[in-house]
Amino acid sequence: MAEPSVPAPPSTVSRPVSEALLNEKWDRCISNMLIKSTLGLGFGIVFSVLLFRRRAWPAFAGVGFGAGRAYEECNWSLKQASQEMKRKA
């Protein structure tokens, strides 16, 4: 008997364009949040050591500023993607 030919499964999972775009935006948002928070922490530690006699609040303020800036950029990026999807539809 001849064996039935079974097609090979696709090597990559194809996702809708909107899902791929959303995944890319979230990846960028998370990496942006980590980078900016870390930079804010670094600047806060430097200012804490140099100017504020080793107090903790400049480091926390730096993390807050970095995270806040990353949040705003992420929010803007997701809103732009939403508006582009509405224009295409």
PDB file of N, CA and C in Angstrom:
ATOM      1  N   MET A   1       0.812  -1.177   0.000  1.00  0.00           N
ATOM      2  CA  MET A   1       0.000   0.000   0.000  1.00  0.00           C
ATOM      3  C   MET A   1       0.863   1.251   0.000  1.00  0.00           C
ATOM      4  N   ALA A   2       0.402   2.237  -0.665  1.00  0.00           N
ATOM      5  CA  ALA A   2       1.122   3.511  -0.716  1.00  0.00           C
ATOM      6  C   ALA A   2       0.739   4.347   0.498  1.00  0.00           C
ATOM      7  N   GLU A   3       1.745   4.924   1.115  1.00  0.00           N
ATOM      8  CA  GLU A   3       1.474   5.764   2.281  1.00  0.00           C
ATOM      9  C   GLU A   3       0.964   7.119   1.818  1.00  0.00           C
ATOM     10  N   PRO A   4      -0.049   7.640   2.521  1.00  0.00           N
ATOM     11  CA  PRO A   4      -0.549   8.962   2.121  1.00  0.00           C
ATOM     12  C   PRO A   4       0.499  10.034   2.427  1.00  0.00           C
ATOM     13  N   SER A   5       0.622  10.986   1.536  1.00  0.00           N
ATOM     14  CA  SER A   5       1.606  12.038   1.761  1.00  0.00           C
ATOM     15  C   SER A   5       1.015  13.080   2.712  1.00  0.00           C
ATOM     16  N   VAL A   6       1.771  13.356   3.741  1.00  0.00           N
ATOM     17  CA  VAL A   6       1.355  14.322   4.749  1.00  0.00           C
ATOM     18  C   VAL A   6       2.222  15.554   4.571  1.00  0.00           C
ATOM     19  N   PRO A   7       1.597  16.732   4.412  1.00  0.00           N
ATOM     20  CA  PRO A   7       2.426  17.934   4.246  1.00  0.00           C
ATOM     21  C   PRO A   7       3.176  18.260   5.532  1.00  0.00           C
ATOM     22  N   ALA A   8       4.361  18.766   5.368  1.00  0.00           N
ATOM     23  CA  ALA A   8       5.184  19.132   6.527  1.00  0.00           C
ATOM     24  C   ALA A   8       4.567  20.356   7.210  1.00  0.00           C
ATOM     25  N   PRO A   9       4.627  20.381   8.538  1.00  0.00           N
ATOM     26  CA  PRO A   9       4.085  21.548   9.239  1.00  0.00           C
ATOM     27  C   PRO A   9       4.940  22.776   8.939  1.00  0.00           C
ATOM     28  N   PRO A  10       4.310  23.928   8.924  1.00  0.00           N
ATOM     29  CA  PRO A  10       5.105  25.140   8.647  1.00  0.00           C
ATOM     30  C   PRO A  10       6.121  25.387   9.754  1.00  0.00           C
ATOM     31  N   SER A  11       7.275  25.902   9.366  1.00  0.00           N
ATOM     32  CA  SER A  11       8.348  26.105  10.343  1.00  0.00           C
ATOM     33  C   SER A  11       8.068  27.298  11.250  1.00  0.00           C
ATOM     34  N   THR A  12       7.354  28.269  10.748  1.00  0.00           N
ATOM     35  CA  THR A  12       7.013  29.420  11.577  1.00  0.00           C
ATOM     36  C   THR A  12       5.506  29.577  11.616  1.00  0.00           C
ATOM     37  N   VAL A  13       5.032  30.088  12.703  1.00  0.00           N
ATOM     38  CA  VAL A  13       3.602  30.322  12.852  1.00  0.00           C
ATOM     39  C   VAL A  13       3.312  31.703  12.281  1.00  0.00           C
ATOM     40  N   SER A  14       2.427  31.749  11.320  1.00  0.00           N
ATOM     41  CA  SER A  14       2.093  33.057  10.751  1.00  0.00           C
ATOM     42  C   SER A  14       0.998  33.687  11.607  1.00  0.00           C
ATOM     43  N   ARG A  15       1.221  34.913  11.971  1.00  0.00           N
ATOM     44  CA  ARG A  15       0.276  35.637  12.801  1.00  0.00           C
ATOM     45  C   ARG A  15      -0.298  36.787  11.991  1.00  0.00           C
ATOM     46  N   PRO A  16      -1.459  37.243  12.387  1.00  0.00           N
ATOM     47  CA  PRO A  16      -1.992  38.426  11.696  1.00  0.00           C
ATOM     48  C   PRO A  16      -1.056  39.620  11.874  1.00  0.00           C
ATOM     49  N   VAL A  17      -1.114  40.524  10.943  1.00  0.00           N
ATOM     50  CA  VAL A  17      -0.222  41.673  10.957  1.00  0.00           C
ATOM     51  C   VAL A  17      -0.423  42.501  12.220  1.00  0.00           C
ATOM     52  N   SER A  18      -1.673  42.666  12.637  1.00  0.00           N
ATOM     53  CA  SER A  18      -1.939  43.494  13.814  1.00  0.00           C
ATOM     54  C   SER A  18      -1.345  42.870  15.079  1.00  0.00           C
ATOM     55  N   GLU A  19      -1.398  41.553  15.193  1.00  0.00           N
ATOM     56  CA  GLU A  19      -0.821  40.896  16.366  1.00  0.00           C
ATOM     57  C   GLU A  19       0.698  41.009  16.367  1.00  0.00           C
ATOM     58  N   ALA A  20       1.300  40.841  15.213  1.00  0.00           N
ATOM     59  CA  ALA A  20       2.756  40.980  15.119  1.00  0.00           C
ATOM     60  C   ALA A  20       3.178  42.404  15.442  1.00  0.00           C
ATOM     61  N   LEU A  21       2.408  43.377  14.974  1.00  0.00           N
ATOM     62  CA  LEU A  21       2.711  44.782  15.254  1.00  0.00           C
ATOM     63  C   LEU A  21       2.584  45.070  16.745  1.00  0.00           C
ATOM     64  N   LEU A  22       1.542  44.546  17.360  1.00  0.00           N
ATOM     65  CA  LEU A  22       1.342  44.748  18.793  1.00  0.00           C
ATOM     66  C   LEU A  22       2.458  44.091  19.603  1.00  0.00           C
ATOM     67  N   ASN A  23       2.868  42.892  19.221  1.00  0.00           N
ATOM     68  CA  ASN A  23       3.971  42.225  19.919  1.00  0.00           C
ATOM     69  C   ASN A  23       5.259  43.027  19.809  1.00  0.00           C
ATOM     70  N   GLU A  24       5.504  43.581  18.624  1.00  0.00           N
ATOM     71  CA  GLU A  24       6.705  44.397  18.430  1.00  0.00           C
ATOM     72  C   GLU A  24       6.650  45.656  19.295  1.00  0.00           C
ATOM     73  N   LYS A  25       5.484  46.281  19.363  1.00  0.00           N
ATOM     74  CA  LYS A  25       5.341  47.497  20.177  1.00  0.00           C
ATOM     75  C   LYS A  25       5.558  47.186  21.656  1.00  0.00           C
ATOM     76  N   TRP A  26       4.976  46.086  22.151  1.00  0.00           N
ATOM     77  CA  TRP A  26       5.147  45.727  23.563  1.00  0.00           C
ATOM     78  C   TRP A  26       6.596  45.387  23.880  1.00  0.00           C
ATOM     79  N   ASP A  27       7.264  44.678  22.976  1.00  0.00           N
ATOM     80  CA  ASP A  27       8.681  44.366  23.194  1.00  0.00           C
ATOM     81  C   ASP A  27       9.500  45.647  23.298  1.00  0.00           C
ATOM     82  N   ARG A  28       9.214  46.584  22.408  1.00  0.00           N
ATOM     83  CA  ARG A  28       9.937  47.847  22.446  1.00  0.00           C
ATOM     84  C   ARG A  28       9.616  48.613  23.732  1.00  0.00           C
ATOM     85  N   CYS A  29       8.365  48.581  24.177  1.00  0.00           N
ATOM     86  CA  CYS A  29       7.974  49.289  25.402  1.00  0.00           C
ATOM     87  C   CYS A  29       8.689  48.720  26.630  1.00  0.00           C
ATOM     88  N   ILE A  30       8.735  47.411  26.720  1.00  0.00           N
ATOM     89  CA  ILE A  30       9.368  46.787  27.888  1.00  0.00           C
ATOM     90  C   ILE A  30      10.868  47.059  27.895  1.00  0.00           C
ATOM     91  N   SER A  31      11.512  46.922  26.743  1.00  0.00           N
ATOM     92  CA  SER A  31      12.952  47.186  26.711  1.00  0.00           C
ATOM     93  C   SER A  31      13.249  48.659  26.981  1.00  0.00           C
ATOM     94  N   ASN A  32      12.399  49.540  26.463  1.00  0.00           N
ATOM     95  CA  ASN A  32      12.563  50.970  26.700  1.00  0.00           C
ATOM     96  C   ASN A  32      12.412  51.278  28.195  1.00  0.00           C
ATOM     97  N   MET A  33      11.442  50.626  28.845  1.00  0.00           N
ATOM     98  CA  MET A  33      11.222  50.843  30.277  1.00  0.00           C
ATOM     99  C   MET A  33      12.452  50.395  31.085  1.00  0.00           C
ATOM    100  N   LEU A  34      12.999  49.250  30.750  1.00  0.00           N
ATOM    101  CA  LEU A  34      14.178  48.760  31.474  1.00  0.00           C
ATOM    102  C   LEU A  34      15.384  49.678  31.274  1.00  0.00           C
ATOM    103  N   ILE A  35      15.594  50.093  30.054  1.00  0.00           N
ATOM    104  CA  ILE A  35      16.762  50.934  29.763  1.00  0.00           C
ATOM    105  C   ILE A  35      16.646  52.297  30.439  1.00  0.00           C
ATOM    106  N   LYS A  36      15.495  52.933  30.303  1.00  0.00           N
ATOM    107  CA  LYS A  36      15.350  54.283  30.863  1.00  0.00           C
ATOM    108  C   LYS A  36      15.316  54.275  32.386  1.00  0.00           C
ATOM    109  N   SER A  37      14.720  53.242  32.973  1.00  0.00           N
ATOM    110  CA  SER A  37      14.728  53.156  34.431  1.00  0.00           C
ATOM    111  C   SER A  37      16.143  52.930  34.957  1.00  0.00           C
ATOM    112  N   THR A  38      16.903  52.097  34.267  1.00  0.00           N
ATOM    113  CA  THR A  38      18.281  51.843  34.673  1.00  0.00           C
ATOM    114  C   THR A  38      19.140  53.097  34.525  1.00  0.00           C
ATOM    115  N   LEU A  39      18.960  53.821  33.431  1.00  0.00           N
ATOM    116  CA  LEU A  39      19.701  55.073  33.260  1.00  0.00           C
ATOM    117  C   LEU A  39      19.317  56.088  34.340  1.00  0.00           C
ATOM    118  N   GLY A  40      18.029  56.163  34.647  1.00  0.00           N
ATOM    119  CA  GLY A  40      17.587  57.063  35.708  1.00  0.00           C
ATOM    120  C   GLY A  40      18.176  56.686  37.055  1.00  0.00           C
ATOM    121  N   LEU A  41      18.240  55.382  37.325  1.00  0.00           N
ATOM    122  CA  LEU A  41      18.847  54.916  38.566  1.00  0.00           C
ATOM    123  C   LEU A  41      20.327  55.292  38.607  1.00  0.00           C
ATOM    124  N   GLY A  42      21.009  55.096  37.504  1.00  0.00           N
ATOM    125  CA  GLY A  42      22.431  55.444  37.447  1.00  0.00           C
ATOM    126  C   GLY A  42      22.677  56.921  37.686  1.00  0.00           C
ATOM    127  N   PHE A  43      21.903  57.767  37.004  1.00  0.00           N
ATOM    128  CA  PHE A  43      22.049  59.206  37.229  1.00  0.00           C
ATOM    129  C   PHE A  43      21.681  59.583  38.659  1.00  0.00           C
ATOM    130  N   GLY A  44      20.659  58.940  39.202  1.00  0.00           N
ATOM    131  CA  GLY A  44      20.263  59.216  40.581  1.00  0.00           C
ATOM    132  C   GLY A  44      21.348  58.849  41.572  1.00  0.00           C
ATOM    133  N   ILE A  45      22.007  57.739  41.340  1.00  0.00           N
ATOM    134  CA  ILE A  45      23.095  57.319  42.237  1.00  0.00           C
ATOM    135  C   ILE A  45      24.267  58.298  42.129  1.00  0.00           C
ATOM    136  N   VAL A  46      24.597  58.692  40.914  1.00  0.00           N
ATOM    137  CA  VAL A  46      25.701  59.642  40.734  1.00  0.00           C
ATOM    138  C   VAL A  46      25.384  60.959  41.432  1.00  0.00           C
ATOM    139  N   PHE A  47      24.190  61.492  41.215  1.00  0.00           N
ATOM    140  CA  PHE A  47      23.818  62.744  41.880  1.00  0.00           C
ATOM    141  C   PHE A  47      23.740  62.576  43.387  1.00  0.00           C
ATOM    142  N   SER A  48      23.305  61.399  43.833  1.00  0.00           N
ATOM    143  CA  SER A  48      23.227  61.142  45.268  1.00  0.00           C
ATOM    144  C   SER A  48      24.616  61.179  45.900  1.00  0.00           C
ATOM    145  N   VAL A  49      25.564  60.573  45.239  1.00  0.00           N
ATOM    146  CA  VAL A  49      26.918  60.523  45.786  1.00  0.00           C
ATOM    147  C   VAL A  49      27.595  61.897  45.709  1.00  0.00           C
ATOM    148  N   LEU A  50      27.417  62.570  44.585  1.00  0.00           N
ATOM    149  CA  LEU A  50      28.129  63.828  44.377  1.00  0.00           C
ATOM    150  C   LEU A  50      27.489  65.024  45.087  1.00  0.00           C
ATOM    151  N   LEU A  51      26.172  65.119  45.099  1.00  0.00           N
ATOM    152  CA  LEU A  51      25.525  66.334  45.562  1.00  0.00           C
ATOM    153  C   LEU A  51      24.711  66.203  46.849  1.00  0.00           C
ATOM    154  N   PHE A  52      24.133  65.046  47.090  1.00  0.00           N
ATOM    155  CA  PHE A  52      23.142  64.938  48.157  1.00  0.00           C
ATOM    156  C   PHE A  52      23.578  64.075  49.332  1.00  0.00           C
ATOM    157  N   ARG A  53      24.848  63.972  49.568  1.00  0.00           N
ATOM    158  CA  ARG A  53      25.407  63.243  50.716  1.00  0.00           C
ATOM    159  C   ARG A  53      24.831  61.839  50.892  1.00  0.00           C
ATOM    160  N   ARG A  54      24.751  61.125  49.791  1.00  0.00           N
ATOM    161  CA  ARG A  54      24.358  59.711  49.763  1.00  0.00           C
ATOM    162  C   ARG A  54      22.955  59.446  50.303  1.00  0.00           C
ATOM    163  N   ARG A  55      22.048  60.270  49.949  1.00  0.00           N
ATOM    164  CA  ARG A  55      20.639  60.037  50.285  1.00  0.00           C
ATOM    165  C   ARG A  55      20.033  59.121  49.222  1.00  0.00           C
ATOM    166  N   ALA A  56      18.956  58.461  49.554  1.00  0.00           N
ATOM    167  CA  ALA A  56      18.354  57.495  48.629  1.00  0.00           C
ATOM    168  C   ALA A  56      17.366  58.134  47.652  1.00  0.00           C
ATOM    169  N   TRP A  57      16.779  59.261  47.999  1.00  0.00           N
ATOM    170  CA  TRP A  57      15.706  59.789  47.170  1.00  0.00           C
ATOM    171  C   TRP A  57      16.123  60.176  45.760  1.00  0.00           C
ATOM    172  N   PRO A  58      17.352  60.634  45.484  1.00  0.00           N
ATOM    173  CA  PRO A  58      17.680  60.933  44.075  1.00  0.00           C
ATOM    174  C   PRO A  58      17.666  59.683  43.190  1.00  0.00           C
ATOM    175  N   ALA A  59      18.057  58.546  43.742  1.00  0.00           N
ATOM    176  CA  ALA A  59      18.033  57.312  42.956  1.00  0.00           C
ATOM    177  C   ALA A  59      16.595  56.908  42.639  1.00  0.00           C
ATOM    178  N   PHE A  60      15.716  57.006  43.630  1.00  0.00           N
ATOM    179  CA  PHE A  60      14.310  56.669  43.400  1.00  0.00           C
ATOM    180  C   PHE A  60      13.662  57.662  42.430  1.00  0.00           C
ATOM    181  N   ALA A  61      14.017  58.934  42.557  1.00  0.00           N
ATOM    182  CA  ALA A  61      13.482  59.937  41.636  1.00  0.00           C
ATOM    183  C   ALA A  61      13.956  59.662  40.209  1.00  0.00           C
ATOM    184  N   GLY A  62      15.206  59.251  40.048  1.00  0.00           N
ATOM    185  CA  GLY A  62      15.723  58.913  38.722  1.00  0.00           C
ATOM    186  C   GLY A  62      14.997  57.741  38.102  1.00  0.00           C
ATOM    187  N   VAL A  63      14.725  56.717  38.901  1.00  0.00           N
ATOM    188  CA  VAL A  63      13.965  55.570  38.400  1.00  0.00           C
ATOM    189  C   VAL A  63      12.561  56.009  38.001  1.00  0.00           C
ATOM    190  N   GLY A  64      11.960  56.857  38.815  1.00  0.00           N
ATOM    191  CA  GLY A  64      10.615  57.343  38.508  1.00  0.00           C
ATOM    192  C   GLY A  64      10.559  58.158  37.231  1.00  0.00           C
ATOM    193  N   PHE A  65      11.541  59.044  37.047  1.00  0.00           N
ATOM    194  CA  PHE A  65      11.584  59.840  35.823  1.00  0.00           C
ATOM    195  C   PHE A  65      11.794  58.944  34.603  1.00  0.00           C
ATOM    196  N   GLY A  66      12.691  57.971  34.726  1.00  0.00           N
ATOM    197  CA  GLY A  66      12.942  57.069  33.595  1.00  0.00           C
ATOM    198  C   GLY A  66      11.731  56.230  33.251  1.00  0.00           C
ATOM    199  N   ALA A  67      11.081  55.679  34.270  1.00  0.00           N
ATOM    200  CA  ALA A  67       9.894  54.856  34.032  1.00  0.00           C
ATOM    201  C   ALA A  67       8.746  55.705  33.483  1.00  0.00           C
ATOM    202  N   GLY A  68       8.603  56.920  33.984  1.00  0.00           N
ATOM    203  CA  GLY A  68       7.546  57.795  33.491  1.00  0.00           C
ATOM    204  C   GLY A  68       7.741  58.179  32.040  1.00  0.00           C
ATOM    205  N   ARG A  69       8.966  58.468  31.670  1.00  0.00           N
ATOM    206  CA  ARG A  69       9.262  58.817  30.278  1.00  0.00           C
ATOM    207  C   ARG A  69       9.014  57.622  29.360  1.00  0.00           C
ATOM    208  N   ALA A  70       9.412  56.433  29.794  1.00  0.00           N
ATOM    209  CA  ALA A  70       9.189  55.231  28.991  1.00  0.00           C
ATOM    210  C   ALA A  70       7.698  54.943  28.852  1.00  0.00           C
ATOM    211  N   TYR A  71       6.933  55.176  29.914  1.00  0.00           N
ATOM    212  CA  TYR A  71       5.491  54.962  29.869  1.00  0.00           C
ATOM    213  C   TYR A  71       4.847  55.897  28.853  1.00  0.00           C
ATOM    214  N   GLU A  72       5.238  57.158  28.855  1.00  0.00           N
ATOM    215  CA  GLU A  72       4.669  58.125  27.917  1.00  0.00           C
ATOM    216  C   GLU A  72       5.015  57.762  26.477  1.00  0.00           C
ATOM    217  N   GLU A  73       6.244  57.337  26.225  1.00  0.00           N
ATOM    218  CA  GLU A  73       6.627  56.944  24.869  1.00  0.00           C
ATOM    219  C   GLU A  73       5.866  55.704  24.422  1.00  0.00           C
ATOM    220  N   CYS A  74       5.662  54.770  25.331  1.00  0.00           N
ATOM    221  CA  CYS A  74       4.913  53.560  25.011  1.00  0.00           C
ATOM    222  C   CYS A  74       3.456  53.905  24.715  1.00  0.00           C
ATOM    223  N   ASN A  75       2.871  54.758  25.523  1.00  0.00           N
ATOM    224  CA  ASN A  75       1.492  55.177  25.327  1.00  0.00           C
ATOM    225  C   ASN A  75       1.327  55.857  23.972  1.00  0.00           C
ATOM    226  N   TRP A  76       2.243  56.746  23.622  1.00  0.00           N
ATOM    227  CA  TRP A  76       2.191  57.434  22.338  1.00  0.00           C
ATOM    228  C   TRP A  76       2.339  56.445  21.182  1.00  0.00           C
ATOM    229  N   SER A  77       3.257  55.493  21.326  1.00  0.00           N
ATOM    230  CA  SER A  77       3.492  54.512  20.277  1.00  0.00           C
ATOM    231  C   SER A  77       2.258  53.641  20.041  1.00  0.00           C
ATOM    232  N   LEU A  78       1.624  53.198  21.116  1.00  0.00           N
ATOM    233  CA  LEU A  78       0.434  52.352  20.973  1.00  0.00           C
ATOM    234  C   LEU A  78      -0.744  53.148  20.404  1.00  0.00           C
ATOM    235  N   LYS A  79      -0.869  54.410  20.779  1.00  0.00           N
ATOM    236  CA  LYS A  79      -1.939  55.234  20.210  1.00  0.00           C
ATOM    237  C   LYS A  79      -1.731  55.467  18.723  1.00  0.00           C
ATOM    238  N   GLN A  80      -0.489  55.679  18.310  1.00  0.00           N
ATOM    239  CA  GLN A  80      -0.190  55.857  16.890  1.00  0.00           C
ATOM    240  C   GLN A  80      -0.536  54.597  16.109  1.00  0.00           C
ATOM    241  N   ALA A  81      -0.200  53.437  16.654  1.00  0.00           N
ATOM    242  CA  ALA A  81      -0.513  52.180  15.978  1.00  0.00           C
ATOM    243  C   ALA A  81      -2.020  51.993  15.871  1.00  0.00           C
ATOM    244  N   SER A  82      -2.743  52.368  16.912  1.00  0.00           N
ATOM    245  CA  SER A  82      -4.198  52.249  16.894  1.00  0.00           C
ATOM    246  C   SER A  82      -4.802  53.162  15.830  1.00  0.00           C
ATOM    247  N   GLN A  83      -4.295  54.374  15.735  1.00  0.00           N
ATOM    248  CA  GLN A  83      -4.810  55.307  14.732  1.00  0.00           C
ATOM    249  C   GLN A  83      -4.493  54.830  13.319  1.00  0.00           C
ATOM    250  N   GLU A  84      -3.329  54.241  13.116  1.00  0.00           N
ATOM    251  CA  GLU A  84      -2.972  53.721  11.792  1.00  0.00           C
ATOM    252  C   GLU A  84      -3.879  52.553  11.407  1.00  0.00           C
ATOM    253  N   MET A  85      -4.201  51.712  12.374  1.00  0.00           N
ATOM    254  CA  MET A  85      -5.084  50.570  12.086  1.00  0.00           C
ATOM    255  C   MET A  85      -6.493  51.061  11.744  1.00  0.00           C
ATOM    256  N   LYS A  86      -6.956  52.124  12.418  1.00  0.00           N
ATOM    257  CA  LYS A  86      -8.281  52.668  12.130  1.00  0.00           C
ATOM    258  C   LYS A  86      -8.323  53.296  10.744  1.00  0.00           C
ATOM    259  N   ARG A  87      -7.230  53.948  10.341  1.00  0.00           N
ATOM    260  CA  ARG A  87      -7.181  54.567   9.019  1.00  0.00           C
ATOM    261  C   ARG A  87      -7.217  53.519   7.907  1.00  0.00           C
ATOM    262  N   LYS A  88      -6.570  52.384   8.148  1.00  0.00           N
ATOM    263  CA  LYS A  88      -6.530  51.329   7.131  1.00  0.00           C
ATOM    264  C   LYS A  88      -7.875  50.656   6.988  1.00  0.00           C
ATOM    265  N   ALA A  89      -8.641  50.589   8.068  1.00  0.00           N
ATOM    266  CA  ALA A  89      -9.934  49.883   8.031  1.00  0.00           C
ATOM    267  C   ALA A  89     -11.018  50.683   7.386  1.00  0.00           C
TER     268      ALA A  89
END
